[in-house]
Amino acid sequence: MTDAGGGRAASRPPLATVVIVTFRAAQFLRATLAGVARQRVPYRLLVVDNASTDGTADILAAEVEPDQVLRLPENTGFAGGVAAALGRVDTQYVALLNDDAVPDPDWLLELLRAADGDHAAAAWTSLMLLADRPDRVNNRGVALNAAWYGIDVGADEPVAGLPSGSRTVFGFCGGAALLRTAAVRAVGGFPAEFFLYYEDLDTSWRLRRAGWTIRLVPTARVLHRHAATSDRKSELFHFHNERNRLLMLVRCAPLGIAPAQFLRFLVTTACVGAARALRRQVPDEANFRVPLRLRVALSVLRMAPGQYRQRRPAAVRRGRRGSSDGSSANGPSPNGP
């Protein structure tokens, strides 16, 4: 891949490959590419086009070198796009960036500065700000809540007053993060079968179980058009959001959590069905539709055995880099065998 960026520093071998996975985001992609081009350190670029049909190919042909584009024959989702990209990355780090996010000129520099000499961490997540309200946080990492659902940490918090120093978080957000390439590969890479959603939380959890830590770098900032390229009310969103959460628990959570959460999902489905049969009021949202919930349940049953076989043992706490205790102020402790 062609090296780019960094002005005079571009003569130095790049440490990171910036990976942008895109799907029908032509209206945002130029701004993202322009933001990457302004980075002050050398980098390699790889844009994964998930078979877009909205003019994305024309934009990439005009603005990106051919060897910096990987066009897939079908839409594999964000998870599949990252998984495909990892096979072509030959730098020490891979930097993930959403196709509707615009990084500050020092974004990659700040991430690489944080990574330099930090041998305990395998991922560094950015401070993502809302593009339409840049004084508010989109997220400063991801975590689990008490019900074993993923959350954006700090969502809608004011930016003013946030500490500027790096700190440990539970997980990185795949929308803007720097990852240690070898570490991600060692824990199995990105779960392409997830397609969309929970792939970053799942990968974060597997890195933590392997003994790595994950850090927030508040000085590495991006503006993000939150949910601009996805419809959070759609059945596509709710199907993958519900299914992948359960599959992640199969792969990562303490034994017993996944079966309990699956049973809870089935009980909730039965209650929703009974309420509809009795003509009681039920929220008019896709995840309260019984057919969709049944599709989720069947998909989990079909995929769970294979996902469990990919489960890896947690690192021994002593004698391993970083901490594997997985503690988080934003959710339950995810320890487990």
C-alpha atoms as a PDB file:
ATOM      1  CA  MET A   1       0.000   0.000   0.000  1.00  0.00           C
ATOM      2  CA  THR A   2       1.122   3.542  -0.722  1.00  0.00           C
ATOM      3  CA  ASP A   3       2.342   5.540   2.271  1.00  0.00           C
ATOM      4  CA  ALA A   4       0.801   8.943   2.889  1.00  0.00           C
ATOM      5  CA  GLY A   5       0.645  11.893   5.259  1.00  0.00           C
ATOM      6  CA  GLY A   6       2.966  13.538   7.680  1.00  0.00           C
ATOM      7  CA  GLY A   7       4.668  16.137   5.516  1.00  0.00           C
ATOM      8  CA  ARG A   8       8.449  15.842   5.894  1.00  0.00           C
ATOM      9  CA  ALA A   9       7.939  12.989   8.334  1.00  0.00           C
ATOM     10  CA  ALA A  10       6.457  10.925   5.509  1.00  0.00           C
ATOM     11  CA  SER A  11       9.958   9.595   4.754  1.00  0.00           C
ATOM     12  CA  ARG A  12       9.781   7.589   7.988  1.00  0.00           C
ATOM     13  CA  PRO A  13       8.156   4.160   7.738  1.00  0.00           C
ATOM     14  CA  PRO A  14       4.548   4.451   8.925  1.00  0.00           C
ATOM     15  CA  LEU A  15       3.624   2.747  12.174  1.00  0.00           C
ATOM     16  CA  ALA A  16      -0.100   2.548  11.454  1.00  0.00           C
ATOM     17  CA  THR A  17      -2.537   1.695   8.707  1.00  0.00           C
ATOM     18  CA  VAL A  18      -5.732   3.752   8.786  1.00  0.00           C
ATOM     19  CA  VAL A  19      -8.649   1.481   7.864  1.00  0.00           C
ATOM     20  CA  ILE A  20     -11.963   2.978   6.795  1.00  0.00           C
ATOM     21  CA  VAL A  21     -14.822   0.566   6.161  1.00  0.00           C
ATOM     22  CA  THR A  22     -17.514   2.187   4.045  1.00  0.00           C
ATOM     23  CA  PHE A  23     -20.945   1.287   2.735  1.00  0.00           C
ATOM     24  CA  ARG A  24     -23.115   3.740   0.835  1.00  0.00           C
ATOM     25  CA  ALA A  25     -21.698   6.776   2.635  1.00  0.00           C
ATOM     26  CA  ALA A  26     -20.652   8.828  -0.383  1.00  0.00           C
ATOM     27  CA  GLN A  27     -22.117  11.989   1.141  1.00  0.00           C
ATOM     28  CA  PHE A  28     -19.724  11.750   4.099  1.00  0.00           C
ATOM     29  CA  LEU A  29     -16.692   9.955   2.700  1.00  0.00           C
ATOM     30  CA  ARG A  30     -14.935  12.952   1.136  1.00  0.00           C
ATOM     31  CA  ALA A  31     -14.848  14.771   4.491  1.00  0.00           C
ATOM     32  CA  THR A  32     -13.455  11.667   6.186  1.00  0.00           C
ATOM     33  CA  LEU A  33     -10.737  11.228   3.559  1.00  0.00           C
ATOM     34  CA  ALA A  34      -9.848  14.923   3.787  1.00  0.00           C
ATOM     35  CA  GLY A  35      -9.523  14.623   7.555  1.00  0.00           C
ATOM     36  CA  VAL A  36      -7.199  11.645   7.188  1.00  0.00           C
ATOM     37  CA  ALA A  37      -5.115  13.495   4.591  1.00  0.00           C
ATOM     38  CA  ARG A  38      -4.473  16.263   7.155  1.00  0.00           C
ATOM     39  CA  GLN A  39      -2.819  13.911   9.639  1.00  0.00           C
ATOM     40  CA  ARG A  40       0.614  15.088  10.806  1.00  0.00           C
ATOM     41  CA  VAL A  41       2.290  11.678  10.876  1.00  0.00           C
ATOM     42  CA  PRO A  42       2.922   9.187   8.070  1.00  0.00           C
ATOM     43  CA  TYR A  43       0.398   6.396   7.694  1.00  0.00           C
ATOM     44  CA  ARG A  44      -0.840   3.817   5.280  1.00  0.00           C
ATOM     45  CA  LEU A  45      -4.433   3.938   4.121  1.00  0.00           C
ATOM     46  CA  LEU A  46      -6.838   1.141   3.311  1.00  0.00           C
ATOM     47  CA  VAL A  47     -10.458   1.856   2.420  1.00  0.00           C
ATOM     48  CA  VAL A  48     -12.698  -1.213   2.418  1.00  0.00           C
ATOM     49  CA  ASP A  49     -15.724  -0.647   0.201  1.00  0.00           C
ATOM     50  CA  ASN A  50     -18.551  -3.025   1.053  1.00  0.00           C
ATOM     51  CA  ALA A  51     -19.912  -3.159  -2.514  1.00  0.00           C
ATOM     52  CA  SER A  52     -21.400   0.337  -2.333  1.00  0.00           C
ATOM     53  CA  THR A  53     -23.678   1.386  -5.195  1.00  0.00           C
ATOM     54  CA  ASP A  54     -24.043   5.106  -4.410  1.00  0.00           C
ATOM     55  CA  GLY A  55     -21.042   6.582  -6.202  1.00  0.00           C
ATOM     56  CA  THR A  56     -18.505   5.602  -3.559  1.00  0.00           C
ATOM     57  CA  ALA A  57     -16.393   3.803  -6.166  1.00  0.00           C
ATOM     58  CA  ASP A  58     -16.112   7.002  -8.225  1.00  0.00           C
ATOM     59  CA  ILE A  59     -14.991   9.002  -5.178  1.00  0.00           C
ATOM     60  CA  LEU A  60     -12.360   6.431  -4.305  1.00  0.00           C
ATOM     61  CA  ALA A  61     -11.131   6.253  -7.910  1.00  0.00           C
ATOM     62  CA  ALA A  62     -10.656  10.020  -7.932  1.00  0.00           C
ATOM     63  CA  GLU A  63      -9.154  10.528  -4.470  1.00  0.00           C
ATOM     64  CA  VAL A  64      -7.437   7.309  -3.338  1.00  0.00           C
ATOM     65  CA  GLU A  65      -4.625   5.270  -4.876  1.00  0.00           C
ATOM     66  CA  PRO A  66      -5.853   1.940  -6.325  1.00  0.00           C
ATOM     67  CA  ASP A  67      -3.690  -0.107  -3.932  1.00  0.00           C
ATOM     68  CA  GLN A  68      -5.349   1.681  -1.013  1.00  0.00           C
ATOM     69  CA  VAL A  69      -8.809   0.346  -1.873  1.00  0.00           C
ATOM     70  CA  LEU A  70     -10.202  -3.090  -1.125  1.00  0.00           C
ATOM     71  CA  ARG A  71     -13.569  -3.479  -2.838  1.00  0.00           C
ATOM     72  CA  LEU A  72     -15.516  -6.482  -1.556  1.00  0.00           C
ATOM     73  CA  PRO A  73     -17.994  -8.298  -3.806  1.00  0.00           C
ATOM     74  CA  GLU A  74     -20.776  -8.033  -1.235  1.00  0.00           C
ATOM     75  CA  ASN A  75     -21.648  -6.117   1.906  1.00  0.00           C
ATOM     76  CA  THR A  76     -19.933  -7.834   4.836  1.00  0.00           C
ATOM     77  CA  GLY A  77     -20.784  -5.171   7.404  1.00  0.00           C
ATOM     78  CA  PHE A  78     -18.301  -3.263   9.530  1.00  0.00           C
ATOM     79  CA  ALA A  79     -17.085  -6.432  11.250  1.00  0.00           C
ATOM     80  CA  GLY A  80     -16.500  -8.241   7.966  1.00  0.00           C
ATOM     81  CA  GLY A  81     -14.783  -5.218   6.466  1.00  0.00           C
ATOM     82  CA  VAL A  82     -12.305  -4.922   9.335  1.00  0.00           C
ATOM     83  CA  ALA A  83     -11.697  -8.670   9.277  1.00  0.00           C
ATOM     84  CA  ALA A  84     -10.888  -8.463   5.552  1.00  0.00           C
ATOM     85  CA  ALA A  85      -8.599  -5.467   6.105  1.00  0.00           C
ATOM     86  CA  LEU A  86      -6.578  -7.141   8.862  1.00  0.00           C
ATOM     87  CA  GLY A  87      -5.249  -9.662   6.372  1.00  0.00           C
ATOM     88  CA  ARG A  88      -3.626  -6.835   4.402  1.00  0.00           C
ATOM     89  CA  VAL A  89      -2.218  -4.769   7.275  1.00  0.00           C
ATOM     90  CA  ASP A  90       1.552  -5.038   7.713  1.00  0.00           C
ATOM     91  CA  THR A  91       2.118  -2.172  10.155  1.00  0.00           C
ATOM     92  CA  GLN A  92       2.518  -2.431  13.930  1.00  0.00           C
ATOM     93  CA  TYR A  93      -0.814  -0.700  14.494  1.00  0.00           C
ATOM     94  CA  VAL A  94      -4.141  -0.463  12.727  1.00  0.00           C
ATOM     95  CA  ALA A  95      -6.254   2.668  13.194  1.00  0.00           C
ATOM     96  CA  LEU A  96      -9.996   2.256  12.667  1.00  0.00           C
ATOM     97  CA  LEU A  97     -12.075   5.221  11.537  1.00  0.00           C
ATOM     98  CA  ASN A  98     -15.771   5.384  10.653  1.00  0.00           C
ATOM     99  CA  ASP A  99     -16.741   6.631   7.201  1.00  0.00           C
ATOM    100  CA  ASP A 100     -18.855   9.378   8.826  1.00  0.00           C
ATOM    101  CA  ALA A 101     -16.144  10.639  11.205  1.00  0.00           C
ATOM    102  CA  VAL A 102     -13.661  13.476  10.684  1.00  0.00           C
ATOM    103  CA  PRO A 103     -10.458  13.351  12.751  1.00  0.00           C
ATOM    104  CA  ASP A 104      -8.516  16.314  14.108  1.00  0.00           C
ATOM    105  CA  PRO A 105      -5.151  16.786  12.343  1.00  0.00           C
ATOM    106  CA  ASP A 106      -3.342  15.464  15.444  1.00  0.00           C
ATOM    107  CA  TRP A 107      -5.696  12.484  15.922  1.00  0.00           C
ATOM    108  CA  LEU A 108      -3.299   9.753  14.793  1.00  0.00           C
ATOM    109  CA  LEU A 109      -0.283  11.511  16.302  1.00  0.00           C
ATOM    110  CA  GLU A 110      -1.937  11.596  19.722  1.00  0.00           C
ATOM    111  CA  LEU A 111      -2.881   7.918  19.520  1.00  0.00           C
ATOM    112  CA  LEU A 112       0.646   6.906  18.520  1.00  0.00           C
ATOM    113  CA  ARG A 113       2.134   9.042  21.291  1.00  0.00           C
ATOM    114  CA  ALA A 114      -0.077   7.250  23.800  1.00  0.00           C
ATOM    115  CA  ALA A 115       0.928   3.868  22.402  1.00  0.00           C
ATOM    116  CA  ASP A 116       4.652   4.624  22.447  1.00  0.00           C
ATOM    117  CA  GLY A 117       6.166   2.698  25.331  1.00  0.00           C
ATOM    118  CA  ASP A 118       2.776   1.473  26.602  1.00  0.00           C
ATOM    119  CA  HIS A 119       3.495  -2.241  26.594  1.00  0.00           C
ATOM    120  CA  ALA A 120       0.457  -3.142  28.713  1.00  0.00           C
ATOM    121  CA  ALA A 121      -2.198  -1.859  26.308  1.00  0.00           C
ATOM    122  CA  ALA A 122      -3.422  -3.296  23.029  1.00  0.00           C
ATOM    123  CA  ALA A 123      -5.943  -0.588  22.090  1.00  0.00           C
ATOM    124  CA  TRP A 124      -6.304   3.157  22.480  1.00  0.00           C
ATOM    125  CA  THR A 125      -9.740   4.663  21.923  1.00  0.00           C
ATOM    126  CA  SER A 126     -10.436   8.239  20.826  1.00  0.00           C
ATOM    127  CA  LEU A 127     -12.680  10.907  22.272  1.00  0.00           C
ATOM    128  CA  MET A 128     -15.579  10.967  19.811  1.00  0.00           C
ATOM    129  CA  LEU A 129     -17.609  14.173  19.731  1.00  0.00           C
ATOM    130  CA  LEU A 130     -21.023  14.713  18.169  1.00  0.00           C
ATOM    131  CA  ALA A 131     -20.627  16.467  14.824  1.00  0.00           C
ATOM    132  CA  ASP A 132     -23.797  18.501  15.287  1.00  0.00           C
ATOM    133  CA  ARG A 133     -22.940  19.327  18.921  1.00  0.00           C
ATOM    134  CA  PRO A 134     -19.139  19.306  19.184  1.00  0.00           C
ATOM    135  CA  ASP A 135     -19.294  20.451  22.792  1.00  0.00           C
ATOM    136  CA  ARG A 136     -20.872  17.085  23.685  1.00  0.00           C
ATOM    137  CA  VAL A 137     -19.382  13.597  23.868  1.00  0.00           C
ATOM    138  CA  ASN A 138     -20.498  10.847  21.515  1.00  0.00           C
ATOM    139  CA  ASN A 139     -18.441   8.321  23.435  1.00  0.00           C
ATOM    140  CA  ARG A 140     -15.168   7.935  25.296  1.00  0.00           C
ATOM    141  CA  GLY A 141     -15.022   4.176  25.020  1.00  0.00           C
ATOM    142  CA  VAL A 142     -17.510   1.353  25.430  1.00  0.00           C
ATOM    143  CA  ALA A 143     -18.481  -0.751  28.439  1.00  0.00           C
ATOM    144  CA  LEU A 144     -21.061  -3.149  29.866  1.00  0.00           C
ATOM    145  CA  ASN A 145     -23.942  -2.072  32.061  1.00  0.00           C
ATOM    146  CA  ALA A 146     -25.423  -4.083  34.913  1.00  0.00           C
ATOM    147  CA  ALA A 147     -27.785  -5.895  32.513  1.00  0.00           C
ATOM    148  CA  TRP A 148     -24.899  -7.076  30.302  1.00  0.00           C
ATOM    149  CA  TYR A 149     -25.707  -4.665  27.480  1.00  0.00           C
ATOM    150  CA  GLY A 150     -23.084  -2.565  25.745  1.00  0.00           C
ATOM    151  CA  ILE A 151     -23.098   1.194  26.296  1.00  0.00           C
ATOM    152  CA  ASP A 152     -21.297   4.239  24.936  1.00  0.00           C
ATOM    153  CA  VAL A 153     -19.409   5.653  27.905  1.00  0.00           C
ATOM    154  CA  GLY A 154     -19.963   9.354  28.481  1.00  0.00           C
ATOM    155  CA  ALA A 155     -22.679   9.752  25.854  1.00  0.00           C
ATOM    156  CA  ASP A 156     -23.956  13.364  25.779  1.00  0.00           C
ATOM    157  CA  GLU A 157     -21.583  14.539  28.506  1.00  0.00           C
ATOM    158  CA  PRO A 158     -20.179  18.066  28.130  1.00  0.00           C
ATOM    159  CA  VAL A 159     -16.638  18.112  26.795  1.00  0.00           C
ATOM    160  CA  ALA A 160     -15.682  20.988  29.074  1.00  0.00           C
ATOM    161  CA  GLY A 161     -14.114  19.733  32.244  1.00  0.00           C
ATOM    162  CA  LEU A 162     -13.117  16.289  30.992  1.00  0.00           C
ATOM    163  CA  PRO A 163      -9.651  15.241  32.201  1.00  0.00           C
ATOM    164  CA  SER A 164      -7.031  15.405  29.454  1.00  0.00           C
ATOM    165  CA  GLY A 165      -4.907  12.492  30.643  1.00  0.00           C
ATOM    166  CA  SER A 166      -5.038   8.946  29.329  1.00  0.00           C
ATOM    167  CA  ARG A 167      -6.910   6.419  31.465  1.00  0.00           C
ATOM    168  CA  THR A 168      -7.959   2.778  31.384  1.00  0.00           C
ATOM    169  CA  VAL A 169     -11.395   1.940  29.980  1.00  0.00           C
ATOM    170  CA  PHE A 170     -13.225  -1.303  29.417  1.00  0.00           C
ATOM    171  CA  GLY A 171     -13.331  -1.198  25.629  1.00  0.00           C
ATOM    172  CA  PHE A 172     -12.494   0.778  22.512  1.00  0.00           C
ATOM    173  CA  CYS A 173     -15.054   2.121  20.076  1.00  0.00           C
ATOM    174  CA  GLY A 174     -14.457   0.800  16.570  1.00  0.00           C
ATOM    175  CA  GLY A 175     -15.439   4.180  15.150  1.00  0.00           C
ATOM    176  CA  ALA A 176     -12.060   5.722  16.030  1.00  0.00           C
ATOM    177  CA  ALA A 177      -9.340   3.687  17.724  1.00  0.00           C
ATOM    178  CA  LEU A 178      -5.765   2.477  17.418  1.00  0.00           C
ATOM    179  CA  LEU A 179      -5.152  -1.257  17.836  1.00  0.00           C
ATOM    180  CA  ARG A 180      -2.003  -3.310  18.245  1.00  0.00           C
ATOM    181  CA  THR A 181      -2.189  -5.458  15.116  1.00  0.00           C
ATOM    182  CA  ALA A 182      -0.469  -8.566  16.476  1.00  0.00           C
ATOM    183  CA  ALA A 183      -2.561  -8.567  19.659  1.00  0.00           C
ATOM    184  CA  VAL A 184      -5.852  -8.400  17.753  1.00  0.00           C
ATOM    185  CA  ARG A 185      -4.765 -11.236  15.496  1.00  0.00           C
ATOM    186  CA  ALA A 186      -3.651 -13.293  18.492  1.00  0.00           C
ATOM    187  CA  VAL A 187      -7.125 -13.176  20.072  1.00  0.00           C
ATOM    188  CA  GLY A 188      -8.847 -14.206  16.850  1.00  0.00           C
ATOM    189  CA  GLY A 189      -9.255 -10.921  14.986  1.00  0.00           C
ATOM    190  CA  PHE A 190     -12.597  -9.230  14.401  1.00  0.00           C
ATOM    191  CA  PRO A 191     -15.697 -11.490  14.405  1.00  0.00           C
ATOM    192  CA  ALA A 192     -16.761 -11.152  10.752  1.00  0.00           C
ATOM    193  CA  GLU A 193     -19.894 -13.181  11.453  1.00  0.00           C
ATOM    194  CA  PHE A 194     -21.232 -10.379  13.666  1.00  0.00           C
ATOM    195  CA  PHE A 195     -21.693  -8.201  10.542  1.00  0.00           C
ATOM    196  CA  LEU A 196     -22.699  -5.102  12.537  1.00  0.00           C
ATOM    197  CA  TYR A 197     -22.614  -4.053  16.199  1.00  0.00           C
ATOM    198  CA  TYR A 198     -20.860  -5.422  19.289  1.00  0.00           C
ATOM    199  CA  GLU A 199     -17.782  -6.412  17.280  1.00  0.00           C
ATOM    200  CA  ASP A 200     -15.660  -3.775  19.044  1.00  0.00           C
ATOM    201  CA  LEU A 201     -16.922  -4.650  22.526  1.00  0.00           C
ATOM    202  CA  ASP A 202     -16.363  -8.355  21.815  1.00  0.00           C
ATOM    203  CA  THR A 203     -12.812  -7.720  20.582  1.00  0.00           C
ATOM    204  CA  SER A 204     -12.106  -5.460  23.561  1.00  0.00           C
ATOM    205  CA  TRP A 205     -13.297  -8.151  25.958  1.00  0.00           C
ATOM    206  CA  ARG A 206     -11.136 -10.820  24.306  1.00  0.00           C
ATOM    207  CA  LEU A 207      -8.099  -8.538  24.514  1.00  0.00           C
ATOM    208  CA  ARG A 208      -8.759  -7.985  28.209  1.00  0.00           C
ATOM    209  CA  ARG A 209      -9.174 -11.716  28.813  1.00  0.00           C
ATOM    210  CA  ALA A 210      -5.776 -12.167  27.151  1.00  0.00           C
ATOM    211  CA  GLY A 211      -4.227  -9.826  29.724  1.00  0.00           C
ATOM    212  CA  TRP A 212      -4.138  -6.554  27.786  1.00  0.00           C
ATOM    213  CA  THR A 213      -5.486  -3.198  28.898  1.00  0.00           C
ATOM    214  CA  ILE A 214      -7.345  -0.596  26.828  1.00  0.00           C
ATOM    215  CA  ARG A 215      -6.959   3.142  27.239  1.00  0.00           C
ATOM    216  CA  LEU A 216      -8.832   6.307  26.382  1.00  0.00           C
ATOM    217  CA  VAL A 217      -6.778   9.083  24.770  1.00  0.00           C
ATOM    218  CA  PRO A 218      -8.875  12.253  25.236  1.00  0.00           C
ATOM    219  CA  THR A 219      -6.511  14.366  23.126  1.00  0.00           C
ATOM    220  CA  ALA A 220      -7.202  12.165  20.069  1.00  0.00           C
ATOM    221  CA  ARG A 221     -10.479  13.656  18.878  1.00  0.00           C
ATOM    222  CA  VAL A 222     -12.898  13.063  16.036  1.00  0.00           C
ATOM    223  CA  LEU A 223     -16.225  14.565  15.055  1.00  0.00           C
ATOM    224  CA  HIS A 224     -18.763  11.828  14.414  1.00  0.00           C
ATOM    225  CA  ARG A 225     -22.116  11.970  12.655  1.00  0.00           C
ATOM    226  CA  HIS A 226     -23.666   9.526  15.104  1.00  0.00           C
ATOM    227  CA  ALA A 227     -25.911   6.923  13.394  1.00  0.00           C
ATOM    228  CA  ALA A 228     -25.693   8.827  10.090  1.00  0.00           C
ATOM    229  CA  THR A 229     -25.050   5.640   8.101  1.00  0.00           C
ATOM    230  CA  SER A 230     -27.346   3.308  10.025  1.00  0.00           C
ATOM    231  CA  ASP A 231     -31.004   3.308  11.005  1.00  0.00           C
ATOM    232  CA  ARG A 232     -31.276   2.484  14.699  1.00  0.00           C
ATOM    233  CA  LYS A 233     -35.022   1.940  14.358  1.00  0.00           C
ATOM    234  CA  SER A 234     -34.648  -0.703  11.664  1.00  0.00           C
ATOM    235  CA  GLU A 235     -35.013  -4.452  12.017  1.00  0.00           C
ATOM    236  CA  LEU A 236     -31.443  -4.792  10.684  1.00  0.00           C
ATOM    237  CA  PHE A 237     -30.127  -2.827  13.658  1.00  0.00           C
ATOM    238  CA  HIS A 238     -32.223  -4.580  16.299  1.00  0.00           C
ATOM    239  CA  PHE A 239     -31.607  -8.075  14.926  1.00  0.00           C
ATOM    240  CA  HIS A 240     -27.824  -7.739  15.006  1.00  0.00           C
ATOM    241  CA  ASN A 241     -27.805  -5.728  18.204  1.00  0.00           C
ATOM    242  CA  GLU A 242     -29.771  -8.377  20.134  1.00  0.00           C
ATOM    243  CA  ARG A 243     -28.148 -11.404  18.512  1.00  0.00           C
ATOM    244  CA  ASN A 244     -24.556 -10.207  18.730  1.00  0.00           C
ATOM    245  CA  ARG A 245     -24.917  -9.250  22.380  1.00  0.00           C
ATOM    246  CA  LEU A 246     -25.885 -12.828  23.186  1.00  0.00           C
ATOM    247  CA  LEU A 247     -23.134 -14.280  20.995  1.00  0.00           C
ATOM    248  CA  MET A 248     -20.585 -12.013  22.665  1.00  0.00           C
ATOM    249  CA  LEU A 249     -21.640 -13.358  26.054  1.00  0.00           C
ATOM    250  CA  VAL A 250     -21.155 -16.906  24.738  1.00  0.00           C
ATOM    251  CA  ARG A 251     -17.646 -15.989  23.618  1.00  0.00           C
ATOM    252  CA  CYS A 252     -16.496 -13.869  26.547  1.00  0.00           C
ATOM    253  CA  ALA A 253     -18.723 -13.772  29.654  1.00  0.00           C
ATOM    254  CA  PRO A 254     -18.333 -15.877  32.797  1.00  0.00           C
ATOM    255  CA  LEU A 255     -19.890 -19.298  32.291  1.00  0.00           C
ATOM    256  CA  GLY A 256     -23.582 -19.242  33.111  1.00  0.00           C
ATOM    257  CA  ILE A 257     -24.174 -15.625  32.047  1.00  0.00           C
ATOM    258  CA  ALA A 258     -24.978 -16.396  28.407  1.00  0.00           C
ATOM    259  CA  PRO A 259     -27.572 -19.134  29.175  1.00  0.00           C
ATOM    260  CA  ALA A 260     -29.215 -16.916  31.783  1.00  0.00           C
ATOM    261  CA  GLN A 261     -29.401 -13.971  29.403  1.00  0.00           C
ATOM    262  CA  PHE A 262     -30.735 -16.171  26.607  1.00  0.00           C
ATOM    263  CA  LEU A 263     -33.448 -17.509  28.914  1.00  0.00           C
ATOM    264  CA  ARG A 264     -34.311 -13.954  29.889  1.00  0.00           C
ATOM    265  CA  PHE A 265     -34.555 -13.070  26.204  1.00  0.00           C
ATOM    266  CA  LEU A 266     -36.971 -15.978  25.633  1.00  0.00           C
ATOM    267  CA  VAL A 267     -39.107 -15.033  28.644  1.00  0.00           C
ATOM    268  CA  THR A 268     -39.309 -11.443  27.443  1.00  0.00           C
ATOM    269  CA  THR A 269     -40.290 -12.680  23.984  1.00  0.00           C
ATOM    270  CA  ALA A 270     -43.066 -14.810  25.462  1.00  0.00           C
ATOM    271  CA  CYS A 271     -44.316 -11.871  27.527  1.00  0.00           C
ATOM    272  CA  VAL A 272     -44.353  -9.614  24.487  1.00  0.00           C
ATOM    273  CA  GLY A 273     -46.264 -12.241  22.529  1.00  0.00           C
ATOM    274  CA  ALA A 274     -48.799 -12.673  25.332  1.00  0.00           C
ATOM    275  CA  ALA A 275     -49.264  -8.916  25.629  1.00  0.00           C
ATOM    276  CA  ARG A 276     -49.950  -8.625  21.919  1.00  0.00           C
ATOM    277  CA  ALA A 277     -52.376 -11.547  22.021  1.00  0.00           C
ATOM    278  CA  LEU A 278     -54.255  -9.829  24.855  1.00  0.00           C
ATOM    279  CA  ARG A 279     -54.199  -6.532  22.877  1.00  0.00           C
ATOM    280  CA  ARG A 280     -52.200  -4.787  25.540  1.00  0.00           C
ATOM    281  CA  GLN A 281     -49.994  -1.855  24.661  1.00  0.00           C
ATOM    282  CA  VAL A 282     -46.513  -2.848  23.487  1.00  0.00           C
ATOM    283  CA  PRO A 283     -43.778  -0.395  22.396  1.00  0.00           C
ATOM    284  CA  ASP A 284     -43.828   0.110  18.648  1.00  0.00           C
ATOM    285  CA  GLU A 285     -40.172  -0.735  18.140  1.00  0.00           C
ATOM    286  CA  ALA A 286     -38.544  -3.471  16.095  1.00  0.00           C
ATOM    287  CA  ASN A 287     -37.062  -5.289  19.082  1.00  0.00           C
ATOM    288  CA  PHE A 288     -40.582  -5.760  20.493  1.00  0.00           C
ATOM    289  CA  ARG A 289     -41.721  -7.649  17.374  1.00  0.00           C
ATOM    290  CA  VAL A 290     -42.081 -11.338  18.099  1.00  0.00           C
ATOM    291  CA  PRO A 291     -41.044 -12.602  14.628  1.00  0.00           C
ATOM    292  CA  LEU A 292     -37.774 -10.661  14.843  1.00  0.00           C
ATOM    293  CA  ARG A 293     -37.090 -11.920  18.352  1.00  0.00           C
ATOM    294  CA  LEU A 294     -37.707 -15.488  17.229  1.00  0.00           C
ATOM    295  CA  ARG A 295     -35.257 -15.004  14.365  1.00  0.00           C
ATOM    296  CA  VAL A 296     -32.704 -13.770  16.893  1.00  0.00           C
ATOM    297  CA  ALA A 297     -33.258 -16.791  19.126  1.00  0.00           C
ATOM    298  CA  LEU A 298     -32.938 -19.262  16.253  1.00  0.00           C
ATOM    299  CA  SER A 299     -29.791 -17.586  14.964  1.00  0.00           C
ATOM    300  CA  VAL A 300     -28.208 -17.683  18.426  1.00  0.00           C
ATOM    301  CA  LEU A 301     -29.042 -21.380  18.815  1.00  0.00           C
ATOM    302  CA  ARG A 302     -27.544 -22.120  15.417  1.00  0.00           C
ATOM    303  CA  MET A 303     -24.368 -20.096  15.942  1.00  0.00           C
ATOM    304  CA  ALA A 304     -23.679 -20.551  19.671  1.00  0.00           C
ATOM    305  CA  PRO A 305     -21.793 -23.890  19.462  1.00  0.00           C
ATOM    306  CA  GLY A 306     -19.328 -22.516  16.931  1.00  0.00           C
ATOM    307  CA  GLN A 307     -18.921 -19.295  18.885  1.00  0.00           C
ATOM    308  CA  TYR A 308     -18.276 -21.194  22.110  1.00  0.00           C
ATOM    309  CA  ARG A 309     -15.527 -23.191  20.379  1.00  0.00           C
ATOM    310  CA  GLN A 310     -13.788 -19.882  19.634  1.00  0.00           C
ATOM    311  CA  ARG A 311     -13.794 -18.992  23.318  1.00  0.00           C
ATOM    312  CA  ARG A 312     -10.282 -18.621  24.728  1.00  0.00           C
ATOM    313  CA  PRO A 313      -9.204 -19.034  28.357  1.00  0.00           C
ATOM    314  CA  ALA A 314      -8.596 -15.902  30.373  1.00  0.00           C
ATOM    315  CA  ALA A 315      -4.990 -14.966  31.108  1.00  0.00           C
ATOM    316  CA  VAL A 316      -3.450 -15.880  34.429  1.00  0.00           C
ATOM    317  CA  ARG A 317      -3.419 -12.635  36.389  1.00  0.00           C
ATOM    318  CA  ARG A 318       0.114 -12.815  37.697  1.00  0.00           C
ATOM    319  CA  GLY A 319       2.978 -12.987  35.261  1.00  0.00           C
ATOM    320  CA  ARG A 320       0.976 -11.576  32.326  1.00  0.00           C
ATOM    321  CA  ARG A 321       1.058  -8.109  30.815  1.00  0.00           C
ATOM    322  CA  GLY A 322      -1.621  -5.738  32.009  1.00  0.00           C
ATOM    323  CA  SER A 323      -4.621  -6.668  34.095  1.00  0.00           C
ATOM    324  CA  SER A 324      -7.170  -9.316  33.227  1.00  0.00           C
ATOM    325  CA  ASP A 325      -9.585  -8.515  36.007  1.00  0.00           C
ATOM    326  CA  GLY A 326     -11.863  -6.707  33.559  1.00  0.00           C
ATOM    327  CA  SER A 327     -13.256  -4.457  36.253  1.00  0.00           C
ATOM    328  CA  SER A 328     -15.331  -1.513  35.079  1.00  0.00           C
ATOM    329  CA  ALA A 329     -17.091   1.276  36.871  1.00  0.00           C
ATOM    330  CA  ASN A 330     -19.774   1.112  34.207  1.00  0.00           C
ATOM    331  CA  GLY A 331     -20.910  -2.456  34.521  1.00  0.00           C
ATOM    332  CA  PRO A 332     -20.387  -5.928  35.979  1.00  0.00           C
ATOM    333  CA  SER A 333     -17.042  -7.584  36.354  1.00  0.00           C
ATOM    334  CA  PRO A 334     -16.546  -9.784  33.276  1.00  0.00           C
ATOM    335  CA  ASN A 335     -14.209 -12.295  34.880  1.00  0.00           C
ATOM    336  CA  GLY A 336     -14.633 -15.869  33.926  1.00  0.00           C
ATOM    337  CA  PRO A 337     -12.860 -18.954  32.684  1.00  0.00           C
END
